[in-house]
Amino acid sequence: MSNEIVMYASAWCGYCHRARSLLQSKNVAFREMVIDGNSELRQEMIARAGRQTVPQIFIGEHHLGGCDELVALELAGELDALLAGNFITA
């Protein structure tokens, strides 16, 4: 099972920017899938996440959720442990 972090995002989305900034501050490698103008990629995101909003963040096949869930993990002190246990820093 891959532990790759994938974030479906939009270039103009403020929540995407916040999630991107938080992941970058953690020095973790992640792949950003920009769905702007790409209906196939948007449909892939909806199929995987069951949601239509961006960002949608995955660790491997595990769906973390969006920006609010990512920030909640950080505020609860759980994000570092999750990332440290599963990922090599960039």
PDB file of N, CA and C in Angstrom:
ATOM      1  N   MET A   1       0.843  -1.190   0.000  1.00  0.00           N
ATOM      2  CA  MET A   1       0.000   0.000   0.000  1.00  0.00           C
ATOM      3  C   MET A   1       0.883   1.245   0.000  1.00  0.00           C
ATOM      4  N   SER A   2       0.582   2.151  -0.865  1.00  0.00           N
ATOM      5  CA  SER A   2       1.330   3.396  -0.972  1.00  0.00           C
ATOM      6  C   SER A   2       0.928   4.346   0.154  1.00  0.00           C
ATOM      7  N   ASN A   3       1.903   5.050   0.694  1.00  0.00           N
ATOM      8  CA  ASN A   3       1.646   6.067   1.712  1.00  0.00           C
ATOM      9  C   ASN A   3       1.721   7.472   1.131  1.00  0.00           C
ATOM     10  N   GLU A   4       1.583   7.562  -0.184  1.00  0.00           N
ATOM     11  CA  GLU A   4       1.669   8.862  -0.841  1.00  0.00           C
ATOM     12  C   GLU A   4       0.538   9.776  -0.366  1.00  0.00           C
ATOM     13  N   ILE A   5       0.886  11.036  -0.158  1.00  0.00           N
ATOM     14  CA  ILE A   5      -0.118  12.043   0.168  1.00  0.00           C
ATOM     15  C   ILE A   5      -0.562  12.661  -1.148  1.00  0.00           C
ATOM     16  N   VAL A   6      -1.872  12.659  -1.364  1.00  0.00           N
ATOM     17  CA  VAL A   6      -2.452  13.259  -2.563  1.00  0.00           C
ATOM     18  C   VAL A   6      -3.479  14.283  -2.122  1.00  0.00           C
ATOM     19  N   MET A   7      -3.403  15.472  -2.718  1.00  0.00           N
ATOM     20  CA  MET A   7      -4.382  16.508  -2.432  1.00  0.00           C
ATOM     21  C   MET A   7      -5.010  16.954  -3.742  1.00  0.00           C
ATOM     22  N   TYR A   8      -6.304  16.704  -3.879  1.00  0.00           N
ATOM     23  CA  TYR A   8      -7.066  17.259  -5.002  1.00  0.00           C
ATOM     24  C   TYR A   8      -7.359  18.699  -4.637  1.00  0.00           C
ATOM     25  N   ALA A   9      -7.089  19.616  -5.568  1.00  0.00           N
ATOM     26  CA  ALA A   9      -7.175  21.030  -5.229  1.00  0.00           C
ATOM     27  C   ALA A   9      -7.562  21.865  -6.438  1.00  0.00           C
ATOM     28  N   SER A  10      -7.794  23.129  -6.165  1.00  0.00           N
ATOM     29  CA  SER A  10      -8.041  24.125  -7.189  1.00  0.00           C
ATOM     30  C   SER A  10      -7.038  25.250  -6.973  1.00  0.00           C
ATOM     31  N   ALA A  11      -6.579  25.840  -8.047  1.00  0.00           N
ATOM     32  CA  ALA A  11      -5.566  26.894  -7.960  1.00  0.00           C
ATOM     33  C   ALA A  11      -6.071  28.134  -7.221  1.00  0.00           C
ATOM     34  N   TRP A  12      -7.350  28.407  -7.286  1.00  0.00           N
ATOM     35  CA  TRP A  12      -7.900  29.642  -6.722  1.00  0.00           C
ATOM     36  C   TRP A  12      -8.495  29.488  -5.327  1.00  0.00           C
ATOM     37  N   CYS A  13      -8.541  28.295  -4.799  1.00  0.00           N
ATOM     38  CA  CYS A  13      -9.244  27.989  -3.550  1.00  0.00           C
ATOM     39  C   CYS A  13      -8.419  28.370  -2.314  1.00  0.00           C
ATOM     40  N   GLY A  14      -9.003  29.199  -1.450  1.00  0.00           N
ATOM     41  CA  GLY A  14      -8.334  29.597  -0.220  1.00  0.00           C
ATOM     42  C   GLY A  14      -8.104  28.439   0.743  1.00  0.00           C
ATOM     43  N   TYR A  15      -9.059  27.520   0.829  1.00  0.00           N
ATOM     44  CA  TYR A  15      -8.897  26.348   1.683  1.00  0.00           C
ATOM     45  C   TYR A  15      -7.766  25.460   1.163  1.00  0.00           C
ATOM     46  N   CYS A  16      -7.656  25.362  -0.167  1.00  0.00           N
ATOM     47  CA  CYS A  16      -6.564  24.583  -0.765  1.00  0.00           C
ATOM     48  C   CYS A  16      -5.224  25.220  -0.412  1.00  0.00           C
ATOM     49  N   HIS A  17      -5.178  26.546  -0.475  1.00  0.00           N
ATOM     50  CA  HIS A  17      -3.940  27.263  -0.140  1.00  0.00           C
ATOM     51  C   HIS A  17      -3.557  26.997   1.320  1.00  0.00           C
ATOM     52  N   ARG A  18      -4.537  27.035   2.199  1.00  0.00           N
ATOM     53  CA  ARG A  18      -4.256  26.796   3.618  1.00  0.00           C
ATOM     54  C   ARG A  18      -3.753  25.371   3.854  1.00  0.00           C
ATOM     55  N   ALA A  19      -4.413  24.389   3.229  1.00  0.00           N
ATOM     56  CA  ALA A  19      -3.986  22.992   3.380  1.00  0.00           C
ATOM     57  C   ALA A  19      -2.600  22.792   2.780  1.00  0.00           C
ATOM     58  N   ARG A  20      -2.356  23.374   1.610  1.00  0.00           N
ATOM     59  CA  ARG A  20      -1.045  23.289   0.946  1.00  0.00           C
ATOM     60  C   ARG A  20       0.035  23.868   1.847  1.00  0.00           C
ATOM     61  N   SER A  21      -0.231  25.027   2.432  1.00  0.00           N
ATOM     62  CA  SER A  21       0.734  25.686   3.311  1.00  0.00           C
ATOM     63  C   SER A  21       1.031  24.845   4.548  1.00  0.00           C
ATOM     64  N   LEU A  22      -0.004  24.235   5.117  1.00  0.00           N
ATOM     65  CA  LEU A  22       0.201  23.405   6.298  1.00  0.00           C
ATOM     66  C   LEU A  22       1.051  22.186   5.961  1.00  0.00           C
ATOM     67  N   LEU A  23       0.747  21.519   4.848  1.00  0.00           N
ATOM     68  CA  LEU A  23       1.553  20.361   4.453  1.00  0.00           C
ATOM     69  C   LEU A  23       2.994  20.766   4.149  1.00  0.00           C
ATOM     70  N   GLN A  24       3.171  21.901   3.483  1.00  0.00           N
ATOM     71  CA  GLN A  24       4.523  22.372   3.184  1.00  0.00           C
ATOM     72  C   GLN A  24       5.278  22.709   4.462  1.00  0.00           C
ATOM     73  N   SER A  25       4.589  23.258   5.456  1.00  0.00           N
ATOM     74  CA  SER A  25       5.249  23.596   6.726  1.00  0.00           C
ATOM     75  C   SER A  25       5.725  22.342   7.460  1.00  0.00           C
ATOM     76  N   LYS A  26       5.119  21.199   7.133  1.00  0.00           N
ATOM     77  CA  LYS A  26       5.506  19.929   7.737  1.00  0.00           C
ATOM     78  C   LYS A  26       6.620  19.236   6.954  1.00  0.00           C
ATOM     79  N   ASN A  27       7.036  19.847   5.854  1.00  0.00           N
ATOM     80  CA  ASN A  27       8.111  19.299   5.005  1.00  0.00           C
ATOM     81  C   ASN A  27       7.824  17.886   4.523  1.00  0.00           C
ATOM     82  N   VAL A  28       6.564  17.631   4.164  1.00  0.00           N
ATOM     83  CA  VAL A  28       6.219  16.331   3.604  1.00  0.00           C
ATOM     84  C   VAL A  28       5.985  16.474   2.106  1.00  0.00           C
ATOM     85  N   ALA A  29       6.370  15.457   1.390  1.00  0.00           N
ATOM     86  CA  ALA A  29       6.127  15.442  -0.050  1.00  0.00           C
ATOM     87  C   ALA A  29       4.667  15.075  -0.283  1.00  0.00           C
ATOM     88  N   PHE A  30       4.023  15.798  -1.180  1.00  0.00           N
ATOM     89  CA  PHE A  30       2.655  15.460  -1.548  1.00  0.00           C
ATOM     90  C   PHE A  30       2.446  15.777  -3.012  1.00  0.00           C
ATOM     91  N   ARG A  31       1.503  15.065  -3.598  1.00  0.00           N
ATOM     92  CA  ARG A  31       1.177  15.276  -5.007  1.00  0.00           C
ATOM     93  C   ARG A  31      -0.137  16.042  -5.064  1.00  0.00           C
ATOM     94  N   GLU A  32      -0.089  17.184  -5.731  1.00  0.00           N
ATOM     95  CA  GLU A  32      -1.283  18.010  -5.868  1.00  0.00           C
ATOM     96  C   GLU A  32      -1.920  17.746  -7.220  1.00  0.00           C
ATOM     97  N   MET A  33      -3.188  17.392  -7.191  1.00  0.00           N
ATOM     98  CA  MET A  33      -3.961  17.105  -8.383  1.00  0.00           C
ATOM     99  C   MET A  33      -4.923  18.276  -8.603  1.00  0.00           C
ATOM    100  N   VAL A  34      -4.563  19.197  -9.491  1.00  0.00           N
ATOM    101  CA  VAL A  34      -5.376  20.387  -9.739  1.00  0.00           C
ATOM    102  C   VAL A  34      -6.519  20.006 -10.667  1.00  0.00           C
ATOM    103  N   ILE A  35      -7.741  20.162 -10.171  1.00  0.00           N
ATOM    104  CA  ILE A  35      -8.912  19.713 -10.913  1.00  0.00           C
ATOM    105  C   ILE A  35      -9.510  20.792 -11.803  1.00  0.00           C
ATOM    106  N   ASP A  36      -8.993  22.012 -11.745  1.00  0.00           N
ATOM    107  CA  ASP A  36      -9.527  23.105 -12.555  1.00  0.00           C
ATOM    108  C   ASP A  36      -9.576  22.709 -14.026  1.00  0.00           C
ATOM    109  N   GLY A  37     -10.769  22.748 -14.615  1.00  0.00           N
ATOM    110  CA  GLY A  37     -10.925  22.472 -16.032  1.00  0.00           C
ATOM    111  C   GLY A  37     -10.720  21.016 -16.420  1.00  0.00           C
ATOM    112  N   ASN A  38     -10.633  20.114 -15.451  1.00  0.00           N
ATOM    113  CA  ASN A  38     -10.394  18.712 -15.741  1.00  0.00           C
ATOM    114  C   ASN A  38     -11.542  17.889 -15.149  1.00  0.00           C
ATOM    115  N   SER A  39     -12.580  17.673 -15.941  1.00  0.00           N
ATOM    116  CA  SER A  39     -13.773  16.986 -15.434  1.00  0.00           C
ATOM    117  C   SER A  39     -13.485  15.536 -15.052  1.00  0.00           C
ATOM    118  N   GLU A  40     -12.570  14.879 -15.749  1.00  0.00           N
ATOM    119  CA  GLU A  40     -12.231  13.495 -15.399  1.00  0.00           C
ATOM    120  C   GLU A  40     -11.579  13.418 -14.027  1.00  0.00           C
ATOM    121  N   LEU A  41     -10.655  14.345 -13.759  1.00  0.00           N
ATOM    122  CA  LEU A  41      -9.986  14.365 -12.461  1.00  0.00           C
ATOM    123  C   LEU A  41     -10.969  14.732 -11.352  1.00  0.00           C
ATOM    124  N   ARG A  42     -11.883  15.653 -11.646  1.00  0.00           N
ATOM    125  CA  ARG A  42     -12.923  16.018 -10.670  1.00  0.00           C
ATOM    126  C   ARG A  42     -13.786  14.799 -10.357  1.00  0.00           C
ATOM    127  N   GLN A  43     -14.176  14.039 -11.369  1.00  0.00           N
ATOM    128  CA  GLN A  43     -14.997  12.850 -11.158  1.00  0.00           C
ATOM    129  C   GLN A  43     -14.238  11.787 -10.359  1.00  0.00           C
ATOM    130  N   GLU A  44     -12.930  11.672 -10.619  1.00  0.00           N
ATOM    131  CA  GLU A  44     -12.094  10.745  -9.847  1.00  0.00           C
ATOM    132  C   GLU A  44     -12.103  11.133  -8.373  1.00  0.00           C
ATOM    133  N   MET A  45     -11.953  12.436  -8.096  1.00  0.00           N
ATOM    134  CA  MET A  45     -11.963  12.931  -6.722  1.00  0.00           C
ATOM    135  C   MET A  45     -13.297  12.627  -6.054  1.00  0.00           C
ATOM    136  N   ILE A  46     -14.396  12.898  -6.743  1.00  0.00           N
ATOM    137  CA  ILE A  46     -15.728  12.660  -6.184  1.00  0.00           C
ATOM    138  C   ILE A  46     -15.923  11.176  -5.896  1.00  0.00           C
ATOM    139  N   ALA A  47     -15.470  10.330  -6.809  1.00  0.00           N
ATOM    140  CA  ALA A  47     -15.597   8.883  -6.614  1.00  0.00           C
ATOM    141  C   ALA A  47     -14.788   8.421  -5.408  1.00  0.00           C
ATOM    142  N   ARG A  48     -13.601   8.960  -5.234  1.00  0.00           N
ATOM    143  CA  ARG A  48     -12.739   8.554  -4.113  1.00  0.00           C
ATOM    144  C   ARG A  48     -13.219   9.129  -2.794  1.00  0.00           C
ATOM    145  N   ALA A  49     -13.579  10.415  -2.788  1.00  0.00           N
ATOM    146  CA  ALA A  49     -13.878  11.111  -1.535  1.00  0.00           C
ATOM    147  C   ALA A  49     -15.359  11.122  -1.181  1.00  0.00           C
ATOM    148  N   GLY A  50     -16.217  10.993  -2.195  1.00  0.00           N
ATOM    149  CA  GLY A  50     -17.641  11.127  -1.936  1.00  0.00           C
ATOM    150  C   GLY A  50     -18.039  12.568  -1.673  1.00  0.00           C
ATOM    151  N   ARG A  51     -17.158  13.489  -2.024  1.00  0.00           N
ATOM    152  CA  ARG A  51     -17.398  14.926  -1.827  1.00  0.00           C
ATOM    153  C   ARG A  51     -17.053  15.677  -3.106  1.00  0.00           C
ATOM    154  N   GLN A  52     -17.672  16.850  -3.276  1.00  0.00           N
ATOM    155  CA  GLN A  52     -17.433  17.647  -4.472  1.00  0.00           C
ATOM    156  C   GLN A  52     -16.553  18.861  -4.214  1.00  0.00           C
ATOM    157  N   THR A  53     -16.255  19.144  -2.967  1.00  0.00           N
ATOM    158  CA  THR A  53     -15.484  20.330  -2.621  1.00  0.00           C
ATOM    159  C   THR A  53     -13.991  20.026  -2.560  1.00  0.00           C
ATOM    160  N   VAL A  54     -13.199  21.067  -2.737  1.00  0.00           N
ATOM    161  CA  VAL A  54     -11.749  20.944  -2.623  1.00  0.00           C
ATOM    162  C   VAL A  54     -11.292  21.761  -1.420  1.00  0.00           C
ATOM    163  N   PRO A  55     -10.171  21.357  -0.812  1.00  0.00           N
ATOM    164  CA  PRO A  55      -9.332  20.218  -1.150  1.00  0.00           C
ATOM    165  C   PRO A  55      -9.905  18.928  -0.587  1.00  0.00           C
ATOM    166  N   GLN A  56      -9.456  17.829  -1.160  1.00  0.00           N
ATOM    167  CA  GLN A  56      -9.697  16.496  -0.620  1.00  0.00           C
ATOM    168  C   GLN A  56      -8.328  15.846  -0.502  1.00  0.00           C
ATOM    169  N   ILE A  57      -8.007  15.389   0.692  1.00  0.00           N
ATOM    170  CA  ILE A  57      -6.654  14.929   0.998  1.00  0.00           C
ATOM    171  C   ILE A  57      -6.671  13.450   1.376  1.00  0.00           C
ATOM    172  N   PHE A  58      -5.744  12.718   0.793  1.00  0.00           N
ATOM    173  CA  PHE A  58      -5.624  11.279   1.022  1.00  0.00           C
ATOM    174  C   PHE A  58      -4.212  10.940   1.467  1.00  0.00           C
ATOM    175  N   ILE A  59      -4.111   9.953   2.335  1.00  0.00           N
ATOM    176  CA  ILE A  59      -2.842   9.306   2.644  1.00  0.00           C
ATOM    177  C   ILE A  59      -3.010   7.880   2.149  1.00  0.00           C
ATOM    178  N   GLY A  60      -2.333   7.563   1.075  1.00  0.00           N
ATOM    179  CA  GLY A  60      -2.575   6.283   0.425  1.00  0.00           C
ATOM    180  C   GLY A  60      -4.036   6.219   0.023  1.00  0.00           C
ATOM    181  N   GLU A  61      -4.729   5.200   0.466  1.00  0.00           N
ATOM    182  CA  GLU A  61      -6.164   5.075   0.171  1.00  0.00           C
ATOM    183  C   GLU A  61      -7.041   5.649   1.284  1.00  0.00           C
ATOM    184  N   HIS A  62      -6.419   6.114   2.378  1.00  0.00           N
ATOM    185  CA  HIS A  62      -7.168   6.666   3.508  1.00  0.00           C
ATOM    186  C   HIS A  62      -7.528   8.127   3.237  1.00  0.00           C
ATOM    187  N   HIS A  63      -8.813   8.434   3.276  1.00  0.00           N
ATOM    188  CA  HIS A  63      -9.303   9.793   3.048  1.00  0.00           C
ATOM    189  C   HIS A  63      -9.284  10.569   4.359  1.00  0.00           C
ATOM    190  N   LEU A  64      -8.427  11.595   4.417  1.00  0.00           N
ATOM    191  CA  LEU A  64      -8.384  12.443   5.608  1.00  0.00           C
ATOM    192  C   LEU A  64      -9.536  13.421   5.639  1.00  0.00           C
ATOM    193  N   GLY A  65      -9.955  13.875   4.469  1.00  0.00           N
ATOM    194  CA  GLY A  65     -10.997  14.894   4.371  1.00  0.00           C
ATOM    195  C   GLY A  65     -10.449  16.135   3.712  1.00  0.00           C
ATOM    196  N   GLY A  66     -10.991  17.261   4.109  1.00  0.00           N
ATOM    197  CA  GLY A  66     -10.584  18.531   3.526  1.00  0.00           C
ATOM    198  C   GLY A  66      -9.695  19.327   4.462  1.00  0.00           C
ATOM    199  N   CYS A  67      -9.654  20.618   4.211  1.00  0.00           N
ATOM    200  CA  CYS A  67      -8.807  21.513   4.995  1.00  0.00           C
ATOM    201  C   CYS A  67      -9.201  21.509   6.476  1.00  0.00           C
ATOM    202  N   ASP A  68     -10.495  21.552   6.749  1.00  0.00           N
ATOM    203  CA  ASP A  68     -10.948  21.594   8.141  1.00  0.00           C
ATOM    204  C   ASP A  68     -10.461  20.376   8.925  1.00  0.00           C
ATOM    205  N   GLU A  69     -10.542  19.207   8.308  1.00  0.00           N
ATOM    206  CA  GLU A  69     -10.091  17.989   8.979  1.00  0.00           C
ATOM    207  C   GLU A  69      -8.576  17.988   9.175  1.00  0.00           C
ATOM    208  N   LEU A  70      -7.843  18.484   8.175  1.00  0.00           N
ATOM    209  CA  LEU A  70      -6.387  18.560   8.283  1.00  0.00           C
ATOM    210  C   LEU A  70      -5.980  19.498   9.420  1.00  0.00           C
ATOM    211  N   VAL A  71      -6.611  20.658   9.477  1.00  0.00           N
ATOM    212  CA  VAL A  71      -6.315  21.626  10.544  1.00  0.00           C
ATOM    213  C   VAL A  71      -6.721  21.064  11.903  1.00  0.00           C
ATOM    214  N   ALA A  72      -7.834  20.359  11.970  1.00  0.00           N
ATOM    215  CA  ALA A  72      -8.268  19.753  13.237  1.00  0.00           C
ATOM    216  C   ALA A  72      -7.242  18.742  13.737  1.00  0.00           C
ATOM    217  N   LEU A  73      -6.676  17.943  12.825  1.00  0.00           N
ATOM    218  CA  LEU A  73      -5.617  17.011  13.218  1.00  0.00           C
ATOM    219  C   LEU A  73      -4.413  17.760  13.772  1.00  0.00           C
ATOM    220  N   GLU A  74      -4.067  18.865  13.139  1.00  0.00           N
ATOM    221  CA  GLU A  74      -2.936  19.681  13.607  1.00  0.00           C
ATOM    222  C   GLU A  74      -3.222  20.251  14.991  1.00  0.00           C
ATOM    223  N   LEU A  75      -4.405  20.827  15.170  1.00  0.00           N
ATOM    224  CA  LEU A  75      -4.759  21.437  16.451  1.00  0.00           C
ATOM    225  C   LEU A  75      -4.850  20.405  17.573  1.00  0.00           C
ATOM    226  N   ALA A  76      -5.226  19.186  17.230  1.00  0.00           N
ATOM    227  CA  ALA A  76      -5.311  18.108  18.224  1.00  0.00           C
ATOM    228  C   ALA A  76      -3.947  17.492  18.510  1.00  0.00           C
ATOM    229  N   GLY A  77      -2.911  17.944  17.791  1.00  0.00           N
ATOM    230  CA  GLY A  77      -1.578  17.407  17.993  1.00  0.00           C
ATOM    231  C   GLY A  77      -1.380  16.032  17.375  1.00  0.00           C
ATOM    232  N   GLU A  78      -2.245  15.652  16.444  1.00  0.00           N
ATOM    233  CA  GLU A  78      -2.196  14.323  15.845  1.00  0.00           C
ATOM    234  C   GLU A  78      -1.540  14.289  14.468  1.00  0.00           C
ATOM    235  N   LEU A  79      -1.429  15.427  13.801  1.00  0.00           N
ATOM    236  CA  LEU A  79      -0.932  15.433  12.428  1.00  0.00           C
ATOM    237  C   LEU A  79       0.538  15.037  12.344  1.00  0.00           C
ATOM    238  N   ASP A  80       1.376  15.571  13.215  1.00  0.00           N
ATOM    239  CA  ASP A  80       2.802  15.235  13.180  1.00  0.00           C
ATOM    240  C   ASP A  80       3.030  13.736  13.351  1.00  0.00           C
ATOM    241  N   ALA A  81       2.326  13.138  14.308  1.00  0.00           N
ATOM    242  CA  ALA A  81       2.488  11.704  14.546  1.00  0.00           C
ATOM    243  C   ALA A  81       2.021  10.903  13.339  1.00  0.00           C
ATOM    244  N   LEU A  82       0.933  11.318  12.747  1.00  0.00           N
ATOM    245  CA  LEU A  82       0.427  10.633  11.563  1.00  0.00           C
ATOM    246  C   LEU A  82       1.438  10.708  10.429  1.00  0.00           C
ATOM    247  N   LEU A  83       1.959  11.876  10.184  1.00  0.00           N
ATOM    248  CA  LEU A  83       2.930  12.059   9.111  1.00  0.00           C
ATOM    249  C   LEU A  83       4.258  11.374   9.433  1.00  0.00           C
ATOM    250  N   ALA A  84       4.711  11.455  10.671  1.00  0.00           N
ATOM    251  CA  ALA A  84       5.984  10.845  11.051  1.00  0.00           C
ATOM    252  C   ALA A  84       5.930   9.332  10.963  1.00  0.00           C
ATOM    253  N   GLY A  85       4.782   8.779  11.216  1.00  0.00           N
ATOM    254  CA  GLY A  85       4.656   7.340  11.175  1.00  0.00           C
ATOM    255  C   GLY A  85       4.510   6.756   9.786  1.00  0.00           C
ATOM    256  N   ASN A  86       4.212   7.588   8.811  1.00  0.00           N
ATOM    257  CA  ASN A  86       3.898   7.064   7.497  1.00  0.00           C
ATOM    258  C   ASN A  86       4.703   7.637   6.345  1.00  0.00           C
ATOM    259  N   PHE A  87       5.405   8.727   6.554  1.00  0.00           N
ATOM    260  CA  PHE A  87       5.980   9.417   5.417  1.00  0.00           C
ATOM    261  C   PHE A  87       7.426   9.824   5.628  1.00  0.00           C
ATOM    262  N   ILE A  88       8.138   9.843   4.557  1.00  0.00           N
ATOM    263  CA  ILE A  88       9.507  10.377   4.529  1.00  0.00           C
ATOM    264  C   ILE A  88       9.386  11.856   4.220  1.00  0.00           C
ATOM    265  N   THR A  89      10.055  12.702   4.979  1.00  0.00           N
ATOM    266  CA  THR A  89       9.969  14.133   4.714  1.00  0.00           C
ATOM    267  C   THR A  89      10.687  14.495   3.432  1.00  0.00           C
ATOM    268  N   ALA A  90      10.231  15.562   2.826  1.00  0.00           N
ATOM    269  CA  ALA A  90      10.786  16.019   1.550  1.00  0.00           C
ATOM    270  C   ALA A  90      12.089  16.752   1.776  1.00  0.00           C
TER     271      ALA A  90
END
